[in-house]
Amino acid sequence: MFRPDCATLRSAGFVVLLTGVFLMVNSQVVYAASSNSETGDLLAPLNITSSEGVPIDGYELNGEGGSIVSFKTQSLAFALSGLFTLLRLLVGLAGWRSRLPSDDSCC
């Protein structure tokens, strides 16, 4: 009868553990993205309103990269979309930080 050695069992256990973590994290992301409530979103605390009264997730940047074989325009559209998302995240973090109560006892 075949008996696996310690290294094989360790590798198999590591793969099973990573698969479990992957499935658990992705199921949480899918649940948060598919819920309709304001508190279900992962970035809901960062969804501040602008001076115009529009929630920050209302702003979008849609870029058309052209043809599927046009690598340069596709990569530029992808990079600009990623930069806009990062900028929106940073603005949300700054707004979230400004809403926190300030602790002036440290200064």
N, C-alpha and C. Protein backbone atom coordinates (compact mmCIF):
# COMPACT_ATOMS: atom_id res chain seq x y z
N MET A 1 0.84 -1.18 0.00
CA MET A 1 0.00 0.00 0.00
C MET A 1 0.89 1.24 0.00
N PHE A 2 0.45 2.26 -0.77
CA PHE A 2 1.21 3.49 -0.90
C PHE A 2 0.98 4.40 0.30
N ARG A 3 2.04 4.83 0.92
CA ARG A 3 1.96 5.77 2.04
C ARG A 3 2.75 7.02 1.67
N PRO A 4 2.05 8.19 1.57
CA PRO A 4 2.76 9.41 1.18
C PRO A 4 3.71 9.87 2.30
N ASP A 5 4.79 10.47 1.87
CA ASP A 5 5.75 10.95 2.86
C ASP A 5 5.30 12.30 3.43
N CYS A 6 6.07 12.82 4.35
CA CYS A 6 5.72 14.04 5.08
C CYS A 6 5.65 15.26 4.15
N ALA A 7 6.57 15.37 3.22
CA ALA A 7 6.59 16.53 2.32
C ALA A 7 5.36 16.55 1.42
N THR A 8 4.92 15.40 0.95
CA THR A 8 3.72 15.34 0.11
C THR A 8 2.48 15.75 0.90
N LEU A 9 2.37 15.27 2.13
CA LEU A 9 1.24 15.65 2.96
C LEU A 9 1.26 17.14 3.30
N ARG A 10 2.43 17.68 3.53
CA ARG A 10 2.56 19.11 3.82
C ARG A 10 2.13 19.94 2.61
N SER A 11 2.56 19.54 1.44
CA SER A 11 2.19 20.25 0.22
C SER A 11 0.68 20.17 -0.04
N ALA A 12 0.12 18.99 0.15
CA ALA A 12 -1.32 18.83 -0.05
C ALA A 12 -2.11 19.64 0.97
N GLY A 13 -1.67 19.66 2.20
CA GLY A 13 -2.34 20.46 3.22
C GLY A 13 -2.27 21.95 2.92
N PHE A 14 -1.12 22.39 2.42
CA PHE A 14 -0.95 23.80 2.08
C PHE A 14 -1.87 24.18 0.92
N VAL A 15 -2.01 23.31 -0.06
CA VAL A 15 -2.90 23.58 -1.20
C VAL A 15 -4.35 23.63 -0.72
N VAL A 16 -4.74 22.73 0.15
CA VAL A 16 -6.11 22.72 0.67
C VAL A 16 -6.38 23.98 1.49
N LEU A 17 -5.41 24.40 2.30
CA LEU A 17 -5.57 25.60 3.09
C LEU A 17 -5.70 26.84 2.22
N LEU A 18 -4.84 26.97 1.22
CA LEU A 18 -4.92 28.12 0.32
C LEU A 18 -6.21 28.13 -0.48
N THR A 19 -6.69 26.96 -0.89
CA THR A 19 -7.95 26.87 -1.61
C THR A 19 -9.11 27.32 -0.72
N GLY A 20 -9.10 26.90 0.53
CA GLY A 20 -10.14 27.32 1.47
C GLY A 20 -10.13 28.81 1.72
N VAL A 21 -8.96 29.38 1.91
CA VAL A 21 -8.86 30.83 2.12
C VAL A 21 -9.32 31.58 0.87
N PHE A 22 -8.91 31.12 -0.28
CA PHE A 22 -9.31 31.75 -1.54
C PHE A 22 -10.83 31.74 -1.70
N LEU A 23 -11.46 30.61 -1.45
CA LEU A 23 -12.91 30.51 -1.60
C LEU A 23 -13.64 31.37 -0.57
N MET A 24 -13.14 31.42 0.65
CA MET A 24 -13.79 32.21 1.69
C MET A 24 -13.69 33.70 1.38
N VAL A 25 -12.52 34.18 0.98
CA VAL A 25 -12.35 35.60 0.68
C VAL A 25 -13.18 36.00 -0.52
N ASN A 26 -13.16 35.20 -1.56
CA ASN A 26 -13.92 35.56 -2.77
C ASN A 26 -15.41 35.49 -2.54
N SER A 27 -15.87 34.58 -1.71
CA SER A 27 -17.31 34.54 -1.43
C SER A 27 -17.74 35.78 -0.65
N GLN A 28 -16.89 36.30 0.23
CA GLN A 28 -17.21 37.54 0.93
C GLN A 28 -17.26 38.72 -0.04
N VAL A 29 -16.35 38.76 -0.98
CA VAL A 29 -16.34 39.85 -1.96
C VAL A 29 -17.57 39.79 -2.84
N VAL A 30 -17.94 38.60 -3.27
CA VAL A 30 -19.14 38.45 -4.12
C VAL A 30 -20.38 38.83 -3.34
N TYR A 31 -20.46 38.43 -2.08
CA TYR A 31 -21.62 38.79 -1.26
C TYR A 31 -21.71 40.30 -1.07
N ALA A 32 -20.59 40.94 -0.81
CA ALA A 32 -20.59 42.39 -0.61
C ALA A 32 -20.92 43.13 -1.89
N ALA A 33 -20.47 42.62 -3.01
CA ALA A 33 -20.73 43.29 -4.28
C ALA A 33 -22.16 43.10 -4.75
N SER A 34 -22.78 41.98 -4.38
CA SER A 34 -24.12 41.70 -4.87
C SER A 34 -25.22 42.21 -3.95
N SER A 35 -24.89 42.66 -2.75
CA SER A 35 -25.92 43.16 -1.85
C SER A 35 -26.31 44.57 -2.25
N ASN A 36 -27.57 44.91 -1.99
CA ASN A 36 -28.09 46.20 -2.39
C ASN A 36 -28.04 47.23 -1.27
N SER A 37 -27.69 46.81 -0.07
CA SER A 37 -27.68 47.75 1.04
C SER A 37 -26.40 48.57 1.04
N GLU A 38 -26.46 49.72 1.69
CA GLU A 38 -25.30 50.61 1.75
C GLU A 38 -24.20 50.00 2.62
N THR A 39 -24.57 49.23 3.63
CA THR A 39 -23.56 48.67 4.52
C THR A 39 -22.95 47.39 3.98
N GLY A 40 -23.49 46.84 2.90
CA GLY A 40 -22.96 45.60 2.36
C GLY A 40 -21.72 45.77 1.51
N ASP A 41 -21.46 46.98 1.05
CA ASP A 41 -20.32 47.23 0.19
C ASP A 41 -19.04 47.23 1.01
N LEU A 42 -17.97 46.71 0.44
CA LEU A 42 -16.70 46.69 1.15
C LEU A 42 -16.15 48.08 1.39
N LEU A 43 -16.38 48.99 0.45
CA LEU A 43 -15.88 50.35 0.57
C LEU A 43 -16.97 51.33 0.99
N ALA A 44 -18.03 50.85 1.63
CA ALA A 44 -19.12 51.72 2.05
C ALA A 44 -18.69 52.83 3.01
N PRO A 45 -17.77 52.60 3.94
CA PRO A 45 -17.35 53.72 4.79
C PRO A 45 -16.63 54.83 4.02
N LEU A 46 -16.11 54.52 2.85
CA LEU A 46 -15.39 55.51 2.06
C LEU A 46 -16.28 56.22 1.05
N ASN A 47 -17.55 55.88 1.03
CA ASN A 47 -18.47 56.48 0.07
C ASN A 47 -18.99 57.80 0.62
N ILE A 48 -18.16 58.82 0.56
CA ILE A 48 -18.54 60.14 1.06
C ILE A 48 -19.27 60.89 -0.04
N THR A 49 -19.94 61.97 0.32
CA THR A 49 -20.61 62.79 -0.68
C THR A 49 -19.74 63.99 -1.01
N SER A 50 -19.77 64.39 -2.26
CA SER A 50 -18.98 65.54 -2.71
C SER A 50 -19.70 66.83 -2.34
N SER A 51 -19.10 67.95 -2.68
CA SER A 51 -19.73 69.25 -2.38
C SER A 51 -21.01 69.45 -3.20
N GLU A 52 -21.15 68.71 -4.29
CA GLU A 52 -22.37 68.78 -5.09
C GLU A 52 -23.46 67.87 -4.56
N GLY A 53 -23.16 67.07 -3.56
CA GLY A 53 -24.13 66.15 -2.98
C GLY A 53 -24.16 64.79 -3.65
N VAL A 54 -23.20 64.50 -4.50
CA VAL A 54 -23.14 63.23 -5.22
C VAL A 54 -22.22 62.28 -4.46
N PRO A 55 -22.65 61.04 -4.20
CA PRO A 55 -21.74 60.08 -3.56
C PRO A 55 -20.52 59.84 -4.45
N ILE A 56 -19.40 59.57 -3.82
CA ILE A 56 -18.15 59.46 -4.56
C ILE A 56 -18.16 58.26 -5.51
N ASP A 57 -18.95 57.23 -5.20
CA ASP A 57 -18.99 56.11 -6.14
C ASP A 57 -19.85 56.42 -7.36
N GLY A 58 -20.47 57.60 -7.40
CA GLY A 58 -21.22 58.03 -8.58
C GLY A 58 -20.33 58.53 -9.70
N TYR A 59 -19.09 58.84 -9.37
CA TYR A 59 -18.15 59.30 -10.38
C TYR A 59 -17.49 58.10 -11.03
N GLU A 60 -17.48 58.08 -12.34
CA GLU A 60 -16.88 56.98 -13.08
C GLU A 60 -16.04 57.52 -14.22
N LEU A 61 -15.04 56.75 -14.58
CA LEU A 61 -14.23 57.06 -15.75
C LEU A 61 -14.27 55.85 -16.65
N ASN A 62 -14.91 55.99 -17.79
CA ASN A 62 -15.02 54.90 -18.74
C ASN A 62 -14.15 55.21 -19.94
N GLY A 63 -13.23 54.33 -20.21
CA GLY A 63 -12.36 54.51 -21.36
C GLY A 63 -12.52 53.38 -22.34
N GLU A 64 -12.63 53.71 -23.59
CA GLU A 64 -12.69 52.71 -24.64
C GLU A 64 -11.28 52.52 -25.18
N GLY A 65 -10.80 51.31 -25.12
CA GLY A 65 -9.46 51.02 -25.58
C GLY A 65 -9.35 50.74 -27.06
N GLY A 66 -10.44 50.80 -27.78
CA GLY A 66 -10.39 50.53 -29.21
C GLY A 66 -10.42 49.05 -29.50
N SER A 67 -9.66 48.65 -30.47
CA SER A 67 -9.64 47.26 -30.91
C SER A 67 -8.98 46.36 -29.88
N ILE A 68 -9.34 45.11 -29.89
CA ILE A 68 -8.78 44.14 -28.95
C ILE A 68 -7.30 43.87 -29.24
N VAL A 69 -6.88 44.09 -30.48
CA VAL A 69 -5.49 43.85 -30.83
C VAL A 69 -4.62 45.08 -30.64
N SER A 70 -5.23 46.21 -30.30
CA SER A 70 -4.48 47.44 -30.06
C SER A 70 -4.01 47.43 -28.61
N PHE A 71 -2.82 46.89 -28.39
CA PHE A 71 -2.30 46.71 -27.04
C PHE A 71 -2.04 48.04 -26.36
N LYS A 72 -1.55 49.02 -27.10
CA LYS A 72 -1.19 50.31 -26.50
C LYS A 72 -2.43 51.03 -25.96
N THR A 73 -3.49 51.12 -26.74
CA THR A 73 -4.68 51.83 -26.28
C THR A 73 -5.40 51.06 -25.19
N GLN A 74 -5.39 49.73 -25.27
CA GLN A 74 -5.99 48.92 -24.22
C GLN A 74 -5.26 49.10 -22.90
N SER A 75 -3.92 49.11 -22.95
CA SER A 75 -3.15 49.27 -21.71
C SER A 75 -3.29 50.68 -21.16
N LEU A 76 -3.38 51.70 -22.01
CA LEU A 76 -3.60 53.06 -21.53
C LEU A 76 -4.97 53.20 -20.86
N ALA A 77 -5.99 52.63 -21.46
CA ALA A 77 -7.33 52.69 -20.86
C ALA A 77 -7.35 51.96 -19.52
N PHE A 78 -6.67 50.82 -19.45
CA PHE A 78 -6.60 50.06 -18.20
C PHE A 78 -5.85 50.84 -17.13
N ALA A 79 -4.73 51.46 -17.50
CA ALA A 79 -3.93 52.23 -16.54
C ALA A 79 -4.70 53.45 -16.04
N LEU A 80 -5.38 54.16 -16.94
CA LEU A 80 -6.15 55.33 -16.51
C LEU A 80 -7.32 54.95 -15.62
N SER A 81 -7.95 53.83 -15.92
CA SER A 81 -9.04 53.36 -15.07
C SER A 81 -8.52 53.00 -13.68
N GLY A 82 -7.38 52.33 -13.63
CA GLY A 82 -6.78 51.98 -12.33
C GLY A 82 -6.35 53.20 -11.54
N LEU A 83 -5.77 54.19 -12.22
CA LEU A 83 -5.37 55.41 -11.53
C LEU A 83 -6.58 56.19 -11.00
N PHE A 84 -7.66 56.22 -11.78
CA PHE A 84 -8.86 56.90 -11.31
C PHE A 84 -9.45 56.18 -10.10
N THR A 85 -9.44 54.87 -10.11
CA THR A 85 -9.95 54.11 -8.97
C THR A 85 -9.08 54.36 -7.74
N LEU A 86 -7.77 54.40 -7.92
CA LEU A 86 -6.87 54.69 -6.80
C LEU A 86 -7.11 56.09 -6.26
N LEU A 87 -7.29 57.06 -7.14
CA LEU A 87 -7.56 58.42 -6.72
C LEU A 87 -8.88 58.52 -5.97
N ARG A 88 -9.90 57.81 -6.45
CA ARG A 88 -11.19 57.81 -5.76
C ARG A 88 -11.08 57.16 -4.39
N LEU A 89 -10.25 56.13 -4.27
CA LEU A 89 -10.02 55.50 -2.97
C LEU A 89 -9.30 56.45 -2.03
N LEU A 90 -8.30 57.17 -2.52
CA LEU A 90 -7.57 58.11 -1.67
C LEU A 90 -8.47 59.27 -1.22
N VAL A 91 -9.31 59.76 -2.10
CA VAL A 91 -10.25 60.82 -1.71
C VAL A 91 -11.23 60.30 -0.67
N GLY A 92 -11.70 59.08 -0.85
CA GLY A 92 -12.59 58.48 0.15
C GLY A 92 -11.91 58.30 1.49
N LEU A 93 -10.65 57.88 1.49
CA LEU A 93 -9.92 57.75 2.74
C LEU A 93 -9.71 59.09 3.42
N ALA A 94 -9.40 60.12 2.63
CA ALA A 94 -9.21 61.46 3.21
C ALA A 94 -10.52 61.98 3.79
N GLY A 95 -11.63 61.78 3.10
CA GLY A 95 -12.92 62.20 3.63
C GLY A 95 -13.33 61.42 4.84
N TRP A 96 -13.03 60.13 4.86
CA TRP A 96 -13.34 59.29 6.00
C TRP A 96 -12.53 59.73 7.21
N ARG A 97 -11.27 60.08 6.98
CA ARG A 97 -10.40 60.53 8.08
C ARG A 97 -10.87 61.87 8.62
N SER A 98 -11.37 62.74 7.77
CA SER A 98 -11.82 64.04 8.25
C SER A 98 -13.12 63.94 9.04
N ARG A 99 -13.89 62.87 8.83
CA ARG A 99 -15.12 62.68 9.59
C ARG A 99 -14.88 62.06 10.95
N LEU A 100 -13.71 61.46 11.17
CA LEU A 100 -13.42 60.86 12.47
C LEU A 100 -13.24 61.96 13.51
N PRO A 101 -13.64 61.67 14.75
CA PRO A 101 -13.43 62.69 15.79
C PRO A 101 -11.94 62.88 16.03
N SER A 102 -11.54 64.13 16.11
CA SER A 102 -10.11 64.39 16.32
C SER A 102 -9.79 64.32 17.80
N ASP A 103 -8.62 63.79 18.09
CA ASP A 103 -8.15 63.67 19.45
C ASP A 103 -7.05 64.69 19.64
N ASP A 104 -7.35 65.82 20.26
CA ASP A 104 -6.39 66.89 20.44
C ASP A 104 -5.57 66.72 21.71
N SER A 105 -5.76 65.65 22.44
CA SER A 105 -5.02 65.49 23.68
C SER A 105 -3.57 65.12 23.45
N CYS A 106 -3.24 64.64 22.25
CA CYS A 106 -1.86 64.23 21.99
C CYS A 106 -0.95 65.41 21.67
N CYS A 107 -1.48 66.54 21.29
CA CYS A 107 -0.65 67.68 20.90
C CYS A 107 -0.59 68.75 21.96
